[in-house]
Amino acid sequence: MFISRVLHRRRPGAGLFAVTAMACACGLPASALAQDARYPEKPIRFLVPFPPGGATDIVSRLVGQRLAERLGQQVVVENRAGGSGIIATEAVARSPGDGYTLLLGNTGILAINPHLYAKLPYDPVRDFAPVTMTTKVTNVLVVHPSLPVRSVKELVMLAKRSQRKLNYGTPGSGSLSHLAMEMFKLAAGVDFVHIPYKGGGPAMIDLVGGHVELMIATMPSALSFITSGKLRPLAVCDARRSAVMPKVPTVAESGYPGYEAFSWHGILVPVGTPAGIVSRLNKEIVGILATQDVKDALFKSGGFDVVGSTAEEFASIIKSELARYAPAVKASKARVD
């Protein structure tokens, strides 16, 4: 468990007279606004739904350390893996809405799980107050060099005229990679054979080895194989081209307008958390993400594009991503009871 060092502390009672006056002017309970002004008065738990060392962990530990410095309180990063992120997410959903429990959510937890699981112990919209979207990771459609295609158009033509179905690997059934390919299949009107693996690493190894023919992978996991010529990129799955490979078009540019399938992370708190505390967390975390050293560290460690958004923008993203993945989950027939 990681605990960030406290570098400075707020003087107790500072600004309470001003807060009380503002409360009276706004017709709000003075005690509530005074409590917001004193926040935080104790350590903050930051739950991460995955094991240490992964991409999500990199974001949480860097942001958690800087947040502790800014707030003058300990931020305890707690990895609570299991159940496709459900265990940690449910724990945060059931925590008090007081600003002392944070969740690092991602695409799978907030946009895919609600369609994948018949019974989910949390609602991504009803049970949380979004704070900010933190980062996103570009996905890329790659093929083994033995496949005689150099563009999305050629891939679709090959798939339609081939006497056998091409196969693609994923980290597992219901993963973002799987659903991103299902979305592409629906858009292009083609079909491929799904080969699920137990994780992205094994899937990537078999793709490089030529045992599967194509895959939608995260840019960080595929980049070294692309630069070495062991994989061929056909398109990136974002709305814009990647700065890492500016000559590679997007899927949308390749003939399928509106197609997007990127990975993202964001910070949320339990519903009912006071607006003043959500606003304070947003201000501090967005400020952290805006610093150049944090941007550089996140890009070098995991290929993350730093975002930083308003709480309202993040809430809108969650709702739009929920709608985006609904037809893909249905088409994939992936379901967990």
Protein backbone atom coordinates (compact mmCIF):
# COMPACT_ATOMS: atom_id res chain seq x y z
CA MET A 1 0.00 0.00 0.00
CA PHE A 2 1.34 3.44 -0.95
CA ILE A 3 0.91 6.48 1.31
CA SER A 4 1.93 9.86 -0.01
CA ARG A 5 3.96 12.15 2.26
CA VAL A 6 2.29 15.26 3.63
CA LEU A 7 4.30 18.32 2.65
CA HIS A 8 2.14 21.05 4.17
CA ARG A 9 -1.05 21.42 6.20
CA ARG A 10 -3.84 23.94 6.18
CA ARG A 11 -4.13 26.16 9.25
CA PRO A 12 -7.25 25.07 11.16
CA GLY A 13 -10.16 27.47 11.10
CA ALA A 14 -8.84 29.61 8.25
CA GLY A 15 -11.62 31.35 6.37
CA LEU A 16 -14.51 30.10 8.52
CA PHE A 17 -15.89 33.58 9.21
CA ALA A 18 -16.00 34.28 5.45
CA VAL A 19 -17.65 30.91 4.82
CA THR A 20 -20.34 31.62 7.43
CA ALA A 21 -21.11 34.98 5.84
CA MET A 22 -21.35 33.38 2.39
CA ALA A 23 -23.68 30.71 3.74
CA CYS A 24 -26.02 33.31 5.13
CA ALA A 25 -26.02 35.24 1.85
CA CYS A 26 -26.74 32.07 -0.17
CA GLY A 27 -29.31 30.64 2.19
CA LEU A 28 -27.17 27.49 2.73
CA PRO A 29 -26.39 25.82 6.08
CA ALA A 30 -23.28 27.48 7.48
CA SER A 31 -22.11 24.17 8.96
CA ALA A 32 -22.08 22.51 5.52
CA LEU A 33 -20.00 25.24 3.87
CA ALA A 34 -17.68 25.44 6.87
CA GLN A 35 -17.10 21.70 6.61
CA ASP A 36 -16.24 22.08 2.92
CA ALA A 37 -13.75 24.81 3.79
CA ARG A 38 -11.98 22.59 6.32
CA TYR A 39 -11.76 19.68 3.86
CA PRO A 40 -9.75 17.50 4.09
CA GLU A 41 -9.43 16.87 7.82
CA LYS A 42 -8.30 13.25 7.60
CA PRO A 43 -6.59 10.86 5.13
CA ILE A 44 -8.28 10.17 1.78
CA ARG A 45 -8.64 6.66 0.35
CA PHE A 46 -8.03 6.32 -3.39
CA LEU A 47 -9.32 2.94 -4.60
CA VAL A 48 -7.82 1.38 -7.72
CA PRO A 49 -9.78 -1.60 -9.11
CA PHE A 50 -6.73 -3.41 -10.51
CA PRO A 51 -3.46 -4.93 -9.26
CA PRO A 52 -0.31 -2.84 -8.72
CA GLY A 53 1.94 -2.21 -11.69
CA GLY A 54 -0.69 -1.84 -14.42
CA ALA A 55 -1.62 1.21 -16.46
CA THR A 56 -4.37 2.26 -14.04
CA ASP A 57 -1.93 2.01 -11.14
CA ILE A 58 0.52 4.40 -12.80
CA VAL A 59 -2.13 7.11 -13.05
CA SER A 60 -3.43 6.68 -9.49
CA ARG A 61 -0.04 6.74 -7.77
CA LEU A 62 1.24 9.78 -9.62
CA VAL A 63 -1.98 11.75 -9.12
CA GLY A 64 -2.36 10.49 -5.54
CA GLN A 65 1.11 11.68 -4.52
CA ARG A 66 0.62 15.14 -6.03
CA LEU A 67 -2.88 15.44 -4.57
CA ALA A 68 -1.52 14.76 -1.07
CA GLU A 69 0.98 17.58 -1.54
CA ARG A 70 -1.72 20.01 -2.62
CA LEU A 71 -4.32 19.10 0.01
CA GLY A 72 -1.95 18.70 2.93
CA GLN A 73 -3.35 15.29 3.82
CA GLN A 74 -2.42 11.69 3.24
CA VAL A 75 -3.82 10.07 0.08
CA VAL A 76 -3.73 6.31 0.52
CA VAL A 77 -3.73 4.45 -2.80
CA GLU A 78 -5.43 1.10 -2.25
CA ASN A 79 -5.33 -1.58 -4.96
CA ARG A 80 -8.48 -3.66 -4.60
CA ALA A 81 -8.48 -5.94 -7.62
CA GLY A 82 -11.05 -8.53 -8.60
CA GLY A 83 -14.33 -9.06 -10.39
CA SER A 84 -13.46 -6.98 -13.47
CA GLY A 85 -13.21 -3.91 -11.27
CA ILE A 86 -16.54 -4.53 -9.55
CA ILE A 87 -15.19 -5.09 -6.01
CA ALA A 88 -13.50 -1.69 -5.69
CA THR A 89 -16.22 0.14 -7.60
CA GLU A 90 -18.97 -1.24 -5.37
CA ALA A 91 -16.95 -0.32 -2.28
CA VAL A 92 -16.76 3.30 -3.39
CA ALA A 93 -20.44 3.38 -4.38
CA ARG A 94 -21.38 2.29 -0.86
CA SER A 95 -19.02 4.71 0.89
CA PRO A 96 -20.21 7.97 2.48
CA GLY A 97 -20.40 10.94 0.14
CA ASP A 98 -17.94 13.02 2.12
CA GLY A 99 -14.95 13.35 -0.22
CA TYR A 100 -12.77 10.86 1.64
CA THR A 101 -13.13 7.98 -0.83
CA LEU A 102 -12.06 8.31 -4.46
CA LEU A 103 -12.29 5.84 -7.34
CA LEU A 104 -10.14 5.62 -10.43
CA GLY A 105 -12.64 4.37 -13.00
CA ASN A 106 -12.11 3.41 -16.62
CA THR A 107 -13.94 2.46 -19.78
CA GLY A 108 -14.54 -1.15 -18.75
CA ILE A 109 -15.90 -0.37 -15.29
CA LEU A 110 -18.16 2.52 -16.24
CA ALA A 111 -19.16 1.93 -19.90
CA ILE A 112 -18.83 -1.81 -20.58
CA ASN A 113 -19.64 -3.66 -17.34
CA PRO A 114 -23.20 -2.26 -17.15
CA HIS A 115 -24.01 -3.99 -20.46
CA LEU A 116 -21.90 -7.10 -19.83
CA TYR A 117 -23.19 -8.13 -16.39
CA ALA A 118 -26.78 -9.20 -15.83
CA LYS A 119 -26.61 -7.97 -12.23
CA LEU A 120 -24.22 -5.19 -11.32
CA PRO A 121 -24.03 -3.85 -7.73
CA TYR A 122 -23.53 -0.26 -8.88
CA ASP A 123 -24.89 2.17 -11.44
CA PRO A 124 -22.20 4.25 -13.22
CA VAL A 125 -24.48 7.29 -13.47
CA ARG A 126 -26.70 7.08 -10.38
CA ASP A 127 -24.11 6.06 -7.77
CA PHE A 128 -21.21 8.42 -8.51
CA ALA A 129 -20.33 12.08 -8.83
CA PRO A 130 -17.69 12.47 -11.58
CA VAL A 131 -14.72 14.67 -10.68
CA THR A 132 -12.61 14.72 -13.84
CA MET A 133 -11.48 12.59 -16.74
CA THR A 134 -7.74 12.15 -16.27
CA THR A 135 -6.23 10.33 -19.22
CA LYS A 136 -6.93 8.47 -22.42
CA VAL A 137 -4.98 5.89 -24.40
CA THR A 138 -5.26 5.53 -28.15
CA ASN A 139 -6.09 2.12 -29.60
CA VAL A 140 -4.72 1.03 -32.96
CA LEU A 141 -5.89 -1.55 -35.51
CA VAL A 142 -2.85 -3.66 -36.35
CA VAL A 143 -2.26 -6.72 -38.55
CA HIS A 144 0.51 -9.26 -38.91
CA PRO A 145 2.78 -8.28 -41.86
CA SER A 146 1.93 -11.55 -43.62
CA LEU A 147 -1.59 -10.30 -44.18
CA PRO A 148 -1.60 -8.69 -47.65
CA VAL A 149 -3.32 -5.44 -46.65
CA ARG A 150 -2.04 -1.93 -46.04
CA SER A 151 -5.25 -0.04 -45.32
CA VAL A 152 -8.65 -0.49 -43.70
CA LYS A 153 -10.22 -0.54 -47.14
CA GLU A 154 -7.99 -3.42 -48.25
CA LEU A 155 -8.70 -5.30 -45.01
CA VAL A 156 -12.46 -5.03 -45.55
CA MET A 157 -12.14 -6.12 -49.18
CA LEU A 158 -10.03 -9.13 -48.17
CA ALA A 159 -12.49 -10.12 -45.44
CA LYS A 160 -15.43 -9.98 -47.86
CA ARG A 161 -13.81 -11.99 -50.64
CA SER A 162 -11.83 -14.50 -48.59
CA GLN A 163 -13.10 -18.07 -48.50
CA ARG A 164 -12.26 -18.28 -44.81
CA LYS A 165 -12.82 -15.82 -41.99
CA LEU A 166 -9.83 -13.87 -40.74
CA ASN A 167 -9.17 -14.21 -37.00
CA TYR A 168 -8.39 -11.61 -34.37
CA GLY A 169 -7.05 -11.80 -30.82
CA THR A 170 -8.23 -9.97 -27.69
CA PRO A 171 -7.38 -9.91 -23.97
CA GLY A 172 -10.68 -11.71 -23.37
CA SER A 173 -14.38 -11.82 -24.11
CA GLY A 174 -16.06 -8.55 -23.21
CA SER A 175 -12.79 -6.59 -23.12
CA LEU A 176 -12.58 -3.17 -24.73
CA SER A 177 -10.42 -4.66 -27.49
CA HIS A 178 -13.13 -7.26 -28.21
CA LEU A 179 -15.95 -4.71 -28.25
CA ALA A 180 -13.94 -2.23 -30.33
CA MET A 181 -13.57 -4.94 -32.98
CA GLU A 182 -17.28 -5.77 -32.75
CA MET A 183 -18.02 -2.09 -33.39
CA PHE A 184 -15.72 -2.17 -36.42
CA LYS A 185 -17.37 -5.34 -37.74
CA LEU A 186 -20.79 -3.71 -37.45
CA ALA A 187 -19.61 -0.54 -39.19
CA ALA A 188 -17.81 -2.36 -42.02
CA GLY A 189 -20.27 -5.20 -42.50
CA VAL A 190 -17.62 -7.89 -42.15
CA ASP A 191 -17.06 -10.85 -39.85
CA PHE A 192 -13.94 -12.17 -38.16
CA VAL A 193 -13.31 -15.12 -35.84
CA HIS A 194 -12.73 -14.03 -32.24
CA ILE A 195 -9.80 -15.67 -30.42
CA PRO A 196 -9.96 -14.63 -26.73
CA TYR A 197 -6.84 -14.83 -24.55
CA LYS A 198 -6.24 -14.50 -20.83
CA GLY A 199 -4.80 -11.00 -21.05
CA GLY A 200 -3.41 -8.58 -23.59
CA GLY A 201 0.17 -9.89 -23.32
CA PRO A 202 -0.54 -13.42 -24.58
CA ALA A 203 -2.76 -12.05 -27.36
CA MET A 204 -0.01 -9.69 -28.51
CA ILE A 205 2.60 -12.48 -28.46
CA ASP A 206 0.45 -14.66 -30.70
CA LEU A 207 -0.27 -11.76 -33.07
CA VAL A 208 3.44 -11.02 -33.45
CA GLY A 209 4.04 -14.75 -33.95
CA GLY A 210 1.45 -14.91 -36.73
CA HIS A 211 -0.95 -17.23 -34.89
CA VAL A 212 -3.72 -14.60 -35.17
CA GLU A 213 -3.98 -12.07 -37.97
CA LEU A 214 -5.24 -8.82 -36.52
CA MET A 215 -6.07 -7.04 -33.29
CA ILE A 216 -7.19 -3.73 -31.83
CA ALA A 217 -4.53 -2.99 -29.23
CA THR A 218 -3.48 -0.08 -27.05
CA MET A 219 -0.81 2.11 -28.61
CA PRO A 220 1.71 1.50 -25.79
CA SER A 221 1.46 -2.28 -26.14
CA ALA A 222 1.79 -2.25 -29.93
CA LEU A 223 4.19 0.62 -30.60
CA SER A 224 7.51 -1.22 -30.25
CA PHE A 225 6.29 -3.99 -32.58
CA ILE A 226 5.09 -1.41 -35.09
CA THR A 227 8.41 0.47 -35.13
CA SER A 228 10.34 -2.79 -35.50
CA GLY A 229 8.15 -3.87 -38.44
CA LYS A 230 6.69 -6.89 -36.64
CA LEU A 231 3.18 -5.41 -36.87
CA ARG A 232 1.55 -3.16 -39.47
CA PRO A 233 -0.78 -0.35 -38.33
CA LEU A 234 -3.85 0.26 -40.48
CA ALA A 235 -5.68 2.91 -38.46
CA VAL A 236 -5.99 4.49 -35.03
CA CYS A 237 -9.33 4.20 -33.24
CA ASP A 238 -9.56 7.80 -32.07
CA ALA A 239 -11.27 10.88 -33.48
CA ARG A 240 -7.87 12.39 -34.31
CA ARG A 241 -4.59 10.98 -35.57
CA SER A 242 -1.98 10.11 -32.99
CA ALA A 243 1.03 12.37 -32.51
CA VAL A 244 3.09 9.19 -32.19
CA MET A 245 2.14 8.04 -35.72
CA PRO A 246 0.76 11.08 -37.55
CA LYS A 247 0.80 9.37 -40.97
CA VAL A 248 -1.56 6.59 -39.84
CA PRO A 249 -5.20 7.58 -40.54
CA THR A 250 -8.12 7.14 -38.18
CA VAL A 251 -10.79 4.49 -38.76
CA ALA A 252 -13.23 7.36 -39.32
CA GLU A 253 -10.99 8.79 -42.06
CA SER A 254 -10.77 5.33 -43.57
CA GLY A 255 -14.45 5.32 -44.46
CA TYR A 256 -16.32 4.86 -41.18
CA PRO A 257 -17.29 8.30 -39.83
CA GLY A 258 -18.07 8.45 -36.13
CA TYR A 259 -16.05 5.37 -35.21
CA GLU A 260 -14.15 5.80 -31.94
CA ALA A 261 -12.88 3.27 -29.40
CA PHE A 262 -10.30 4.64 -27.01
CA SER A 263 -9.43 3.72 -23.44
CA TRP A 264 -9.92 6.34 -20.74
CA HIS A 265 -9.55 6.84 -17.00
CA GLY A 266 -11.23 9.25 -14.63
CA ILE A 267 -11.77 10.02 -10.96
CA LEU A 268 -15.15 9.77 -9.23
CA VAL A 269 -16.56 10.07 -5.71
CA PRO A 270 -19.75 8.63 -4.19
CA VAL A 271 -22.99 10.39 -5.05
CA GLY A 272 -23.99 12.96 -2.45
CA THR A 273 -20.49 14.36 -2.07
CA PRO A 274 -20.88 18.13 -1.52
CA ALA A 275 -20.46 20.21 -4.66
CA GLY A 276 -17.81 22.33 -2.96
CA ILE A 277 -15.64 19.29 -2.30
CA VAL A 278 -16.11 17.96 -5.85
CA SER A 279 -15.12 21.39 -7.17
CA ARG A 280 -12.03 21.48 -4.93
CA LEU A 281 -10.92 18.01 -6.04
CA ASN A 282 -11.49 18.94 -9.68
CA LYS A 283 -9.44 22.11 -9.36
CA GLU A 284 -6.52 20.34 -7.68
CA ILE A 285 -6.45 17.26 -9.94
CA VAL A 286 -6.81 19.24 -13.17
CA GLY A 287 -4.00 21.47 -11.92
CA ILE A 288 -1.84 18.39 -11.32
CA LEU A 289 -2.54 17.06 -14.80
CA ALA A 290 -1.65 20.42 -16.37
CA THR A 291 1.94 20.35 -15.12
CA GLN A 292 4.46 19.40 -17.78
CA ASP A 293 6.38 16.92 -15.64
CA VAL A 294 3.18 14.94 -14.96
CA LYS A 295 2.26 14.98 -18.65
CA ASP A 296 5.73 13.75 -19.57
CA ALA A 297 5.74 11.05 -16.88
CA LEU A 298 2.36 9.67 -17.92
CA PHE A 299 3.25 9.67 -21.61
CA LYS A 300 6.61 7.96 -21.08
CA SER A 301 5.28 5.38 -18.61
CA GLY A 302 2.14 4.32 -20.41
CA GLY A 303 1.57 6.37 -23.54
CA PHE A 304 -1.20 8.29 -21.80
CA ASP A 305 -2.68 11.44 -23.30
CA VAL A 306 -3.51 13.75 -20.38
CA VAL A 307 -7.02 15.18 -20.50
CA GLY A 308 -8.30 17.00 -17.40
CA SER A 309 -11.96 17.97 -17.75
CA THR A 310 -14.77 19.59 -15.83
CA ALA A 311 -17.00 17.34 -13.76
CA GLU A 312 -19.86 18.04 -16.19
CA GLU A 313 -17.77 17.08 -19.21
CA PHE A 314 -16.75 13.81 -17.59
CA ALA A 315 -20.36 13.02 -16.71
CA SER A 316 -21.31 13.59 -20.36
CA ILE A 317 -18.48 11.32 -21.55
CA ILE A 318 -19.63 8.48 -19.28
CA LYS A 319 -23.17 8.69 -20.64
CA SER A 320 -22.04 8.83 -24.27
CA GLU A 321 -19.63 5.90 -23.80
CA LEU A 322 -22.40 3.84 -22.16
CA ALA A 323 -24.50 4.38 -25.28
CA ARG A 324 -21.56 3.68 -27.61
CA TYR A 325 -20.80 0.21 -26.21
CA ALA A 326 -24.37 -1.04 -25.80
CA PRO A 327 -24.77 -2.32 -29.41
CA ALA A 328 -21.25 -3.79 -29.41
CA VAL A 329 -21.92 -5.87 -26.30
CA LYS A 330 -25.21 -7.06 -27.78
CA ALA A 331 -23.55 -8.00 -31.07
CA SER A 332 -20.72 -9.83 -29.30
CA LYS A 333 -23.22 -11.94 -27.31
CA ALA A 334 -20.82 -11.58 -24.37
CA ARG A 335 -22.72 -11.81 -21.09
CA VAL A 336 -21.83 -12.52 -17.46
CA ASP A 337 -24.60 -13.73 -15.16
